Amino acid sequence: SVTEPTLKATVTNASCGQTNGQITLTPPDQTVGWQYSLNNGTAQAAPGFNNLPPGSYTVVAKAPSGCQAQQSVTVANEAAPTLTSLSVTPPRCQSANGQLTVSATGGTGPLAYSLDGTTYQSQPQFGNLPGGTYTVYVRDEKKCAAAPRTVNVPPARLMTVLSADAVATTCGQANGQATLVMTGGTAPIQYSMNGQIWQATATFGPLKDGTYTLTARDSLGCTISQSVRVAGSAGPPSATVQVTPEACDQQNGTIRLTFGNGPRPTRVLIDNTSVGP
């Protein structure tokens, strides 16, 4: 009886739809002089066919005796990966600490990720990013690449002090005020004076004269501080009272006030009636 030889074909699939598939044939025995053909094409001595696009092929191996083996072989297309989604975490406070996470599927083998198309990494996360526009690249182990996508990382909402305003005390009392005026940050904003209790309003008082540190804190925990001076103002200075009685039943008595150090009073009243400066 005559037995047809058995042909073994090893296939390397095409990747990314390119013409880079391969078929390598192993002859049934060690006989010298086997010839190989692909799709009834010209026979060749080499057992391999390279640079093949995806598709179905018929391979034939023919021995010097005329016996031949035939086999149908499929070169599949191993598709490129697909970039499915991008997740962004904006930077917070005044640091370049934004994050970008890439989700991709498909491809052959482990995927690699890049933000410049040159330097790739195995992890799909990128950190320490300032705000800006980035182009994301993904490729597989065969260098098949997904279509790149751009993504915007919003800049940090920086907190800026516009002013630290103060209202001076009056009459030597503890009735001053301090207000922090700022912009930016992520609402809600809270305020504190000298690192004490946080409150929703930016004004503090009543305060005695002195220097205070006002701090604003947003919902992300970012803070910004500014010192402010609440000026003091003294009340009228103390006075020495000298009385001269009237004489001879005349209305010639006097009251003399002698003021000590300090700002001169603007008005002097006797029995709630103004008598001049």
C-alpha atoms as a PDB file:
ATOM      1  CA  SER A   1       0.000   0.000   0.000  1.00  0.00           C
ATOM      2  CA  VAL A   2       1.043   3.592  -0.613  1.00  0.00           C
ATOM      3  CA  THR A   3       0.677   6.117   2.221  1.00  0.00           C
ATOM      4  CA  GLU A   4       0.618   9.846   1.496  1.00  0.00           C
ATOM      5  CA  PRO A   5       3.243  11.719   3.514  1.00  0.00           C
ATOM      6  CA  THR A   6       2.066  13.925   6.385  1.00  0.00           C
ATOM      7  CA  LEU A   7       3.078  17.577   6.283  1.00  0.00           C
ATOM      8  CA  LYS A   8       3.457  19.738   9.365  1.00  0.00           C
ATOM      9  CA  ALA A   9       2.880  23.480   9.050  1.00  0.00           C
ATOM     10  CA  THR A  10       3.818  26.043  11.731  1.00  0.00           C
ATOM     11  CA  VAL A  11       1.965  29.363  11.443  1.00  0.00           C
ATOM     12  CA  THR A  12       2.919  32.811  12.718  1.00  0.00           C
ATOM     13  CA  ASN A  13      -0.155  34.998  12.446  1.00  0.00           C
ATOM     14  CA  ALA A  14      -0.086  38.434  10.893  1.00  0.00           C
ATOM     15  CA  SER A  15      -0.298  41.301  13.330  1.00  0.00           C
ATOM     16  CA  CYS A  16      -2.073  44.631  13.030  1.00  0.00           C
ATOM     17  CA  GLY A  17      -3.464  43.596   9.621  1.00  0.00           C
ATOM     18  CA  GLN A  18       0.022  43.819   8.117  1.00  0.00           C
ATOM     19  CA  THR A  19       1.698  41.425   5.648  1.00  0.00           C
ATOM     20  CA  ASN A  20       3.956  39.890   8.260  1.00  0.00           C
ATOM     21  CA  GLY A  21       2.483  36.406   8.665  1.00  0.00           C
ATOM     22  CA  GLN A  22       4.669  33.319   8.239  1.00  0.00           C
ATOM     23  CA  ILE A  23       4.203  29.626   7.333  1.00  0.00           C
ATOM     24  CA  THR A  24       7.044  27.212   8.018  1.00  0.00           C
ATOM     25  CA  LEU A  25       6.779  23.613   6.693  1.00  0.00           C
ATOM     26  CA  THR A  26       8.420  20.516   8.152  1.00  0.00           C
ATOM     27  CA  PRO A  27       8.850  17.685   5.610  1.00  0.00           C
ATOM     28  CA  PRO A  28       7.554  14.209   6.471  1.00  0.00           C
ATOM     29  CA  ASP A  29      11.050  12.638   6.412  1.00  0.00           C
ATOM     30  CA  GLN A  30      14.701  13.433   6.023  1.00  0.00           C
ATOM     31  CA  THR A  31      14.747  12.868   2.293  1.00  0.00           C
ATOM     32  CA  VAL A  32      16.824  15.502   0.529  1.00  0.00           C
ATOM     33  CA  GLY A  33      15.307  17.505  -2.271  1.00  0.00           C
ATOM     34  CA  TRP A  34      11.816  18.371  -1.063  1.00  0.00           C
ATOM     35  CA  GLN A  35      10.168  21.250  -2.921  1.00  0.00           C
ATOM     36  CA  TYR A  36       7.544  23.532  -1.438  1.00  0.00           C
ATOM     37  CA  SER A  37       4.846  25.685  -2.986  1.00  0.00           C
ATOM     38  CA  LEU A  38       2.157  28.040  -1.794  1.00  0.00           C
ATOM     39  CA  ASN A  39      -1.245  28.271  -3.516  1.00  0.00           C
ATOM     40  CA  ASN A  40       0.076  26.358  -6.544  1.00  0.00           C
ATOM     41  CA  GLY A  41       2.803  28.939  -7.001  1.00  0.00           C
ATOM     42  CA  THR A  42       6.401  28.354  -8.048  1.00  0.00           C
ATOM     43  CA  ALA A  43       8.084  25.558  -6.077  1.00  0.00           C
ATOM     44  CA  GLN A  44      11.033  26.442  -3.898  1.00  0.00           C
ATOM     45  CA  ALA A  45      13.605  24.609  -1.848  1.00  0.00           C
ATOM     46  CA  ALA A  46      13.110  26.745   1.257  1.00  0.00           C
ATOM     47  CA  PRO A  47      10.381  25.405   3.582  1.00  0.00           C
ATOM     48  CA  GLY A  48       9.207  28.822   4.729  1.00  0.00           C
ATOM     49  CA  PHE A  49       6.922  31.514   3.311  1.00  0.00           C
ATOM     50  CA  ASN A  50       7.182  35.006   4.782  1.00  0.00           C
ATOM     51  CA  ASN A  51       5.474  38.416   4.578  1.00  0.00           C
ATOM     52  CA  LEU A  52       2.003  36.920   4.246  1.00  0.00           C
ATOM     53  CA  PRO A  53      -1.216  38.895   4.785  1.00  0.00           C
ATOM     54  CA  PRO A  54      -4.042  37.320   6.801  1.00  0.00           C
ATOM     55  CA  GLY A  55      -5.924  34.671   4.814  1.00  0.00           C
ATOM     56  CA  SER A  56      -6.262  30.979   3.877  1.00  0.00           C
ATOM     57  CA  TYR A  57      -3.453  29.201   2.035  1.00  0.00           C
ATOM     58  CA  THR A  58      -2.780  25.803   0.478  1.00  0.00           C
ATOM     59  CA  VAL A  59       0.754  24.517   0.993  1.00  0.00           C
ATOM     60  CA  VAL A  60       2.285  21.594  -0.859  1.00  0.00           C
ATOM     61  CA  ALA A  61       5.470  19.645  -0.164  1.00  0.00           C
ATOM     62  CA  LYS A  62       6.713  17.397  -2.983  1.00  0.00           C
ATOM     63  CA  ALA A  63       9.414  14.719  -2.598  1.00  0.00           C
ATOM     64  CA  PRO A  64      11.955  13.889  -5.308  1.00  0.00           C
ATOM     65  CA  SER A  65      10.048  10.632  -5.845  1.00  0.00           C
ATOM     66  CA  GLY A  66       6.979  12.592  -6.858  1.00  0.00           C
ATOM     67  CA  CYS A  67       5.013  11.943  -3.695  1.00  0.00           C
ATOM     68  CA  GLN A  68       3.507  15.074  -2.238  1.00  0.00           C
ATOM     69  CA  ALA A  69       1.694  16.252   0.852  1.00  0.00           C
ATOM     70  CA  GLN A  70      -0.897  19.054   0.832  1.00  0.00           C
ATOM     71  CA  GLN A  71      -2.481  21.019   3.650  1.00  0.00           C
ATOM     72  CA  SER A  72      -4.777  24.018   4.114  1.00  0.00           C
ATOM     73  CA  VAL A  73      -3.406  26.662   6.484  1.00  0.00           C
ATOM     74  CA  THR A  74      -4.979  29.863   7.870  1.00  0.00           C
ATOM     75  CA  VAL A  75      -2.931  32.908   8.782  1.00  0.00           C
ATOM     76  CA  ALA A  76      -5.055  34.854  11.232  1.00  0.00           C
ATOM     77  CA  ASN A  77      -4.977  38.573  11.849  1.00  0.00           C
ATOM     78  CA  GLU A  78      -3.948  39.481  15.396  1.00  0.00           C
ATOM     79  CA  ALA A  79      -5.606  42.858  15.805  1.00  0.00           C
ATOM     80  CA  ALA A  80      -3.935  45.863  17.405  1.00  0.00           C
ATOM     81  CA  PRO A  81      -4.972  46.848  20.925  1.00  0.00           C
ATOM     82  CA  THR A  82      -7.853  49.258  21.462  1.00  0.00           C
ATOM     83  CA  LEU A  83      -7.615  52.218  23.819  1.00  0.00           C
ATOM     84  CA  THR A  84     -10.992  52.114  25.578  1.00  0.00           C
ATOM     85  CA  SER A  85     -10.927  54.891  28.173  1.00  0.00           C
ATOM     86  CA  LEU A  86      -8.830  57.497  29.971  1.00  0.00           C
ATOM     87  CA  SER A  87      -9.335  58.527  33.590  1.00  0.00           C
ATOM     88  CA  VAL A  88      -7.910  61.823  34.851  1.00  0.00           C
ATOM     89  CA  THR A  89      -7.242  63.114  38.371  1.00  0.00           C
ATOM     90  CA  PRO A  90      -6.367  66.837  38.272  1.00  0.00           C
ATOM     91  CA  PRO A  91      -3.367  68.072  40.262  1.00  0.00           C
ATOM     92  CA  ARG A  92      -4.200  69.449  43.680  1.00  0.00           C
ATOM     93  CA  CYS A  93      -2.858  72.390  45.634  1.00  0.00           C
ATOM     94  CA  GLN A  94       0.197  73.910  43.981  1.00  0.00           C
ATOM     95  CA  SER A  95       2.011  70.686  43.050  1.00  0.00           C
ATOM     96  CA  ALA A  96       2.448  68.709  39.800  1.00  0.00           C
ATOM     97  CA  ASN A  97       0.674  65.661  41.207  1.00  0.00           C
ATOM     98  CA  GLY A  98      -2.072  64.943  38.674  1.00  0.00           C
ATOM     99  CA  GLN A  99      -2.714  61.367  37.520  1.00  0.00           C
ATOM    100  CA  LEU A 100      -3.760  59.685  34.286  1.00  0.00           C
ATOM    101  CA  THR A 101      -4.971  56.064  34.054  1.00  0.00           C
ATOM    102  CA  VAL A 102      -5.255  54.263  30.706  1.00  0.00           C
ATOM    103  CA  SER A 103      -7.628  51.371  29.943  1.00  0.00           C
ATOM    104  CA  ALA A 104      -6.918  49.289  26.826  1.00  0.00           C
ATOM    105  CA  THR A 105      -7.868  45.823  25.543  1.00  0.00           C
ATOM    106  CA  GLY A 106      -6.794  43.433  22.812  1.00  0.00           C
ATOM    107  CA  GLY A 107      -3.418  43.128  21.186  1.00  0.00           C
ATOM    108  CA  THR A 108      -0.885  40.345  21.614  1.00  0.00           C
ATOM    109  CA  GLY A 109       0.849  39.803  24.916  1.00  0.00           C
ATOM    110  CA  PRO A 110       1.324  42.477  27.547  1.00  0.00           C
ATOM    111  CA  LEU A 111       0.569  46.056  26.594  1.00  0.00           C
ATOM    112  CA  ALA A 112       2.888  49.041  27.003  1.00  0.00           C
ATOM    113  CA  TYR A 113       1.943  52.668  27.541  1.00  0.00           C
ATOM    114  CA  SER A 114       3.545  55.994  26.656  1.00  0.00           C
ATOM    115  CA  LEU A 115       2.897  59.731  26.728  1.00  0.00           C
ATOM    116  CA  ASP A 116       5.450  60.606  24.058  1.00  0.00           C
ATOM    117  CA  GLY A 117       5.355  57.634  21.663  1.00  0.00           C
ATOM    118  CA  THR A 118       9.001  56.843  22.433  1.00  0.00           C
ATOM    119  CA  THR A 119       9.387  55.807  26.046  1.00  0.00           C
ATOM    120  CA  TYR A 120       6.982  53.033  27.069  1.00  0.00           C
ATOM    121  CA  GLN A 121       6.149  51.535  30.445  1.00  0.00           C
ATOM    122  CA  SER A 122       4.284  48.428  31.557  1.00  0.00           C
ATOM    123  CA  GLN A 123       1.978  50.230  33.998  1.00  0.00           C
ATOM    124  CA  PRO A 124      -1.127  52.016  32.682  1.00  0.00           C
ATOM    125  CA  GLN A 125      -0.851  54.819  35.253  1.00  0.00           C
ATOM    126  CA  PHE A 126       1.065  58.069  34.911  1.00  0.00           C
ATOM    127  CA  GLY A 127       1.619  60.311  37.932  1.00  0.00           C
ATOM    128  CA  ASN A 128       3.204  63.608  38.953  1.00  0.00           C
ATOM    129  CA  LEU A 129       1.538  65.413  36.068  1.00  0.00           C
ATOM    130  CA  PRO A 130       0.935  69.150  35.862  1.00  0.00           C
ATOM    131  CA  GLY A 131      -2.161  70.376  34.103  1.00  0.00           C
ATOM    132  CA  GLY A 132      -1.982  70.213  30.318  1.00  0.00           C
ATOM    133  CA  THR A 133      -2.840  68.249  27.178  1.00  0.00           C
ATOM    134  CA  TYR A 134      -1.317  64.795  26.745  1.00  0.00           C
ATOM    135  CA  THR A 135      -1.258  62.255  23.897  1.00  0.00           C
ATOM    136  CA  VAL A 136      -1.580  58.634  25.028  1.00  0.00           C
ATOM    137  CA  TYR A 137      -0.010  55.747  23.069  1.00  0.00           C
ATOM    138  CA  VAL A 138      -0.613  52.012  23.583  1.00  0.00           C
ATOM    139  CA  ARG A 139       1.125  49.120  21.835  1.00  0.00           C
ATOM    140  CA  ASP A 140       1.461  45.347  22.279  1.00  0.00           C
ATOM    141  CA  GLU A 141       4.541  43.122  22.342  1.00  0.00           C
ATOM    142  CA  LYS A 142       4.546  42.984  18.520  1.00  0.00           C
ATOM    143  CA  LYS A 143       4.642  46.779  18.359  1.00  0.00           C
ATOM    144  CA  CYS A 144       1.044  46.905  17.131  1.00  0.00           C
ATOM    145  CA  ALA A 145      -0.315  50.251  18.245  1.00  0.00           C
ATOM    146  CA  ALA A 146      -3.759  51.496  19.144  1.00  0.00           C
ATOM    147  CA  ALA A 147      -4.950  54.753  17.685  1.00  0.00           C
ATOM    148  CA  PRO A 148      -3.479  57.448  19.968  1.00  0.00           C
ATOM    149  CA  ARG A 149      -5.811  59.719  21.899  1.00  0.00           C
ATOM    150  CA  THR A 150      -5.366  63.110  23.495  1.00  0.00           C
ATOM    151  CA  VAL A 151      -6.648  64.011  26.930  1.00  0.00           C
ATOM    152  CA  ASN A 152      -6.713  67.213  28.941  1.00  0.00           C
ATOM    153  CA  VAL A 153      -5.586  67.229  32.571  1.00  0.00           C
ATOM    154  CA  PRO A 154      -7.178  70.317  34.150  1.00  0.00           C
ATOM    155  CA  PRO A 155      -4.731  72.597  35.959  1.00  0.00           C
ATOM    156  CA  ALA A 156      -4.820  72.895  39.722  1.00  0.00           C
ATOM    157  CA  ARG A 157      -7.225  75.504  41.038  1.00  0.00           C
ATOM    158  CA  LEU A 158      -4.552  77.503  42.784  1.00  0.00           C
ATOM    159  CA  MET A 159      -5.439  79.532  45.860  1.00  0.00           C
ATOM    160  CA  THR A 160      -4.280  83.141  45.788  1.00  0.00           C
ATOM    161  CA  VAL A 161      -4.508  85.760  48.523  1.00  0.00           C
ATOM    162  CA  LEU A 162      -5.841  89.022  47.119  1.00  0.00           C
ATOM    163  CA  SER A 163      -5.615  90.970  50.373  1.00  0.00           C
ATOM    164  CA  ALA A 164      -5.662  90.699  54.152  1.00  0.00           C
ATOM    165  CA  ASP A 165      -7.699  93.625  55.448  1.00  0.00           C
ATOM    166  CA  ALA A 166      -7.850  94.905  59.027  1.00  0.00           C
ATOM    167  CA  VAL A 167     -10.102  97.269  60.972  1.00  0.00           C
ATOM    168  CA  ALA A 168      -8.255  98.933  63.859  1.00  0.00           C
ATOM    169  CA  THR A 169      -9.564  98.895  67.384  1.00  0.00           C
ATOM    170  CA  THR A 170     -11.230 101.997  68.794  1.00  0.00           C
ATOM    171  CA  CYS A 171     -11.150 103.599  72.221  1.00  0.00           C
ATOM    172  CA  GLY A 172      -8.640 101.030  73.448  1.00  0.00           C
ATOM    173  CA  GLN A 173     -11.202  98.237  73.190  1.00  0.00           C
ATOM    174  CA  ALA A 174     -10.841  94.753  71.676  1.00  0.00           C
ATOM    175  CA  ASN A 175     -13.163  95.524  68.767  1.00  0.00           C
ATOM    176  CA  GLY A 176     -10.885  95.196  65.725  1.00  0.00           C
ATOM    177  CA  GLN A 177     -11.494  92.931  62.755  1.00  0.00           C
ATOM    178  CA  ALA A 178      -9.398  90.973  60.221  1.00  0.00           C
ATOM    179  CA  THR A 179     -10.599  89.637  56.839  1.00  0.00           C
ATOM    180  CA  LEU A 180      -8.837  87.362  54.355  1.00  0.00           C
ATOM    181  CA  VAL A 181      -9.774  87.973  50.695  1.00  0.00           C
ATOM    182  CA  MET A 182      -8.678  85.149  48.375  1.00  0.00           C
ATOM    183  CA  THR A 183      -9.544  83.460  45.098  1.00  0.00           C
ATOM    184  CA  GLY A 184      -9.239  79.975  43.629  1.00  0.00           C
ATOM    185  CA  GLY A 185      -9.323  76.646  45.400  1.00  0.00           C
ATOM    186  CA  THR A 186     -12.035  74.010  45.329  1.00  0.00           C
ATOM    187  CA  ALA A 187     -15.201  74.911  47.220  1.00  0.00           C
ATOM    188  CA  PRO A 188     -16.182  74.919  49.972  1.00  0.00           C
ATOM    189  CA  ILE A 189     -13.509  77.158  51.474  1.00  0.00           C
ATOM    190  CA  GLN A 190     -12.967  77.394  55.242  1.00  0.00           C
ATOM    191  CA  TYR A 191     -10.973  79.907  57.250  1.00  0.00           C
ATOM    192  CA  SER A 192      -8.948  79.841  60.439  1.00  0.00           C
ATOM    193  CA  MET A 193      -7.100  82.368  62.563  1.00  0.00           C
ATOM    194  CA  ASN A 194      -3.833  81.361  64.213  1.00  0.00           C
ATOM    195  CA  GLY A 195      -4.532  77.693  63.440  1.00  0.00           C
ATOM    196  CA  GLN A 196      -7.643  77.597  65.610  1.00  0.00           C
ATOM    197  CA  ILE A 197     -11.229  76.569  64.821  1.00  0.00           C
ATOM    198  CA  TRP A 198     -12.210  76.572  61.132  1.00  0.00           C
ATOM    199  CA  GLN A 199     -15.222  78.611  60.052  1.00  0.00           C
ATOM    200  CA  ALA A 200     -17.122  79.332  56.853  1.00  0.00           C
ATOM    201  CA  THR A 201     -16.649  83.131  56.971  1.00  0.00           C
ATOM    202  CA  ALA A 202     -13.425  84.965  56.175  1.00  0.00           C
ATOM    203  CA  THR A 203     -13.833  87.729  58.808  1.00  0.00           C
ATOM    204  CA  PHE A 204     -12.649  87.418  62.406  1.00  0.00           C
ATOM    205  CA  GLY A 205     -13.490  89.636  65.341  1.00  0.00           C
ATOM    206  CA  PRO A 206     -13.773  91.298  67.727  1.00  0.00           C
ATOM    207  CA  LEU A 207      -9.991  91.395  68.075  1.00  0.00           C
ATOM    208  CA  LYS A 208      -7.549  93.307  70.194  1.00  0.00           C
ATOM    209  CA  ASP A 209      -4.629  94.986  68.527  1.00  0.00           C
ATOM    210  CA  GLY A 210      -1.902  92.588  67.360  1.00  0.00           C
ATOM    211  CA  THR A 211      -0.645  90.446  64.477  1.00  0.00           C
ATOM    212  CA  TYR A 212      -2.698  87.461  63.329  1.00  0.00           C
ATOM    213  CA  THR A 213      -2.208  84.666  60.794  1.00  0.00           C
ATOM    214  CA  LEU A 214      -5.262  84.016  58.621  1.00  0.00           C
ATOM    215  CA  THR A 215      -5.468  80.709  56.707  1.00  0.00           C
ATOM    216  CA  ALA A 216      -7.836  79.494  53.981  1.00  0.00           C
ATOM    217  CA  ARG A 217      -8.375  75.770  53.313  1.00  0.00           C
ATOM    218  CA  ASP A 218     -10.320  74.255  50.398  1.00  0.00           C
ATOM    219  CA  SER A 219     -12.148  70.920  50.157  1.00  0.00           C
ATOM    220  CA  LEU A 220      -8.976  69.176  48.877  1.00  0.00           C
ATOM    221  CA  GLY A 221      -7.027  70.191  51.954  1.00  0.00           C
ATOM    222  CA  CYS A 222      -4.967  72.842  50.153  1.00  0.00           C
ATOM    223  CA  THR A 223      -4.090  75.825  52.324  1.00  0.00           C
ATOM    224  CA  ILE A 224      -2.752  79.336  51.952  1.00  0.00           C
ATOM    225  CA  SER A 225      -1.939  81.829  54.736  1.00  0.00           C
ATOM    226  CA  GLN A 226      -1.362  85.538  55.204  1.00  0.00           C
ATOM    227  CA  SER A 227      -0.480  87.583  58.287  1.00  0.00           C
ATOM    228  CA  VAL A 228      -2.344  90.791  59.091  1.00  0.00           C
ATOM    229  CA  ARG A 229      -1.803  93.559  61.619  1.00  0.00           C
ATOM    230  CA  VAL A 230      -4.750  94.936  63.578  1.00  0.00           C
ATOM    231  CA  ALA A 231      -3.728  98.389  64.722  1.00  0.00           C
ATOM    232  CA  GLY A 232      -4.650  99.647  68.152  1.00  0.00           C
ATOM    233  CA  SER A 233      -6.095 103.008  69.156  1.00  0.00           C
ATOM    234  CA  ALA A 234      -6.155 104.339  72.720  1.00  0.00           C
ATOM    235  CA  GLY A 235      -9.033 106.107  74.415  1.00  0.00           C
ATOM    236  CA  PRO A 236      -8.807 109.655  75.831  1.00  0.00           C
ATOM    237  CA  PRO A 237      -5.883 110.179  78.218  1.00  0.00           C
ATOM    238  CA  SER A 238      -6.435 110.512  81.891  1.00  0.00           C
ATOM    239  CA  ALA A 239      -6.946 114.048  83.201  1.00  0.00           C
ATOM    240  CA  THR A 240      -6.165 115.955  86.393  1.00  0.00           C
ATOM    241  CA  VAL A 241      -9.109 118.053  87.552  1.00  0.00           C
ATOM    242  CA  GLN A 242      -8.451 121.403  89.252  1.00  0.00           C
ATOM    243  CA  VAL A 243     -11.479 123.230  90.718  1.00  0.00           C
ATOM    244  CA  THR A 244     -11.566 126.898  91.677  1.00  0.00           C
ATOM    245  CA  PRO A 245     -14.672 127.804  93.723  1.00  0.00           C
ATOM    246  CA  GLU A 246     -16.697 130.858  92.951  1.00  0.00           C
ATOM    247  CA  ALA A 247     -15.975 134.008  94.993  1.00  0.00           C
ATOM    248  CA  CYS A 248     -18.260 136.640  96.473  1.00  0.00           C
ATOM    249  CA  ASP A 249     -21.411 134.941  95.324  1.00  0.00           C
ATOM    250  CA  GLN A 250     -20.308 135.381  91.719  1.00  0.00           C
ATOM    251  CA  GLN A 251     -20.475 132.793  89.015  1.00  0.00           C
ATOM    252  CA  ASN A 252     -16.737 132.744  88.552  1.00  0.00           C
ATOM    253  CA  GLY A 253     -15.833 129.188  89.534  1.00  0.00           C
ATOM    254  CA  THR A 254     -13.637 127.188  87.163  1.00  0.00           C
ATOM    255  CA  ILE A 255     -12.858 123.590  86.341  1.00  0.00           C
ATOM    256  CA  ARG A 256      -9.514 122.990  84.667  1.00  0.00           C
ATOM    257  CA  LEU A 257      -8.578 119.677  83.079  1.00  0.00           C
ATOM    258  CA  THR A 258      -4.952 118.792  82.565  1.00  0.00           C
ATOM    259  CA  PHE A 259      -4.537 115.780  80.233  1.00  0.00           C
ATOM    260  CA  GLY A 260      -1.753 113.267  80.456  1.00  0.00           C
ATOM    261  CA  ASN A 261       0.109 111.599  77.590  1.00  0.00           C
ATOM    262  CA  GLY A 262      -1.954 110.325  74.679  1.00  0.00           C
ATOM    263  CA  PRO A 263      -4.148 111.697  71.911  1.00  0.00           C
ATOM    264  CA  ARG A 264      -5.921 114.881  72.803  1.00  0.00           C
ATOM    265  CA  PRO A 265      -9.708 114.521  73.109  1.00  0.00           C
ATOM    266  CA  THR A 266     -11.764 116.082  70.347  1.00  0.00           C
ATOM    267  CA  ARG A 267     -14.622 117.095  72.647  1.00  0.00           C
ATOM    268  CA  VAL A 268     -15.087 117.883  76.350  1.00  0.00           C
ATOM    269  CA  LEU A 269     -18.539 117.686  77.900  1.00  0.00           C
ATOM    270  CA  ILE A 270     -19.872 118.844  81.262  1.00  0.00           C
ATOM    271  CA  ASP A 271     -23.220 117.399  82.305  1.00  0.00           C
ATOM    272  CA  ASN A 272     -23.406 115.950  78.783  1.00  0.00           C
ATOM    273  CA  THR A 273     -23.068 119.416  77.257  1.00  0.00           C
ATOM    274  CA  SER A 274     -20.175 120.175  75.001  1.00  0.00           C
ATOM    275  CA  VAL A 275     -17.933 122.959  76.212  1.00  0.00           C
ATOM    276  CA  GLY A 276     -15.301 122.876  73.492  1.00  0.00           C
ATOM    277  CA  PRO A 277     -12.140 121.021  72.653  1.00  0.00           C
END
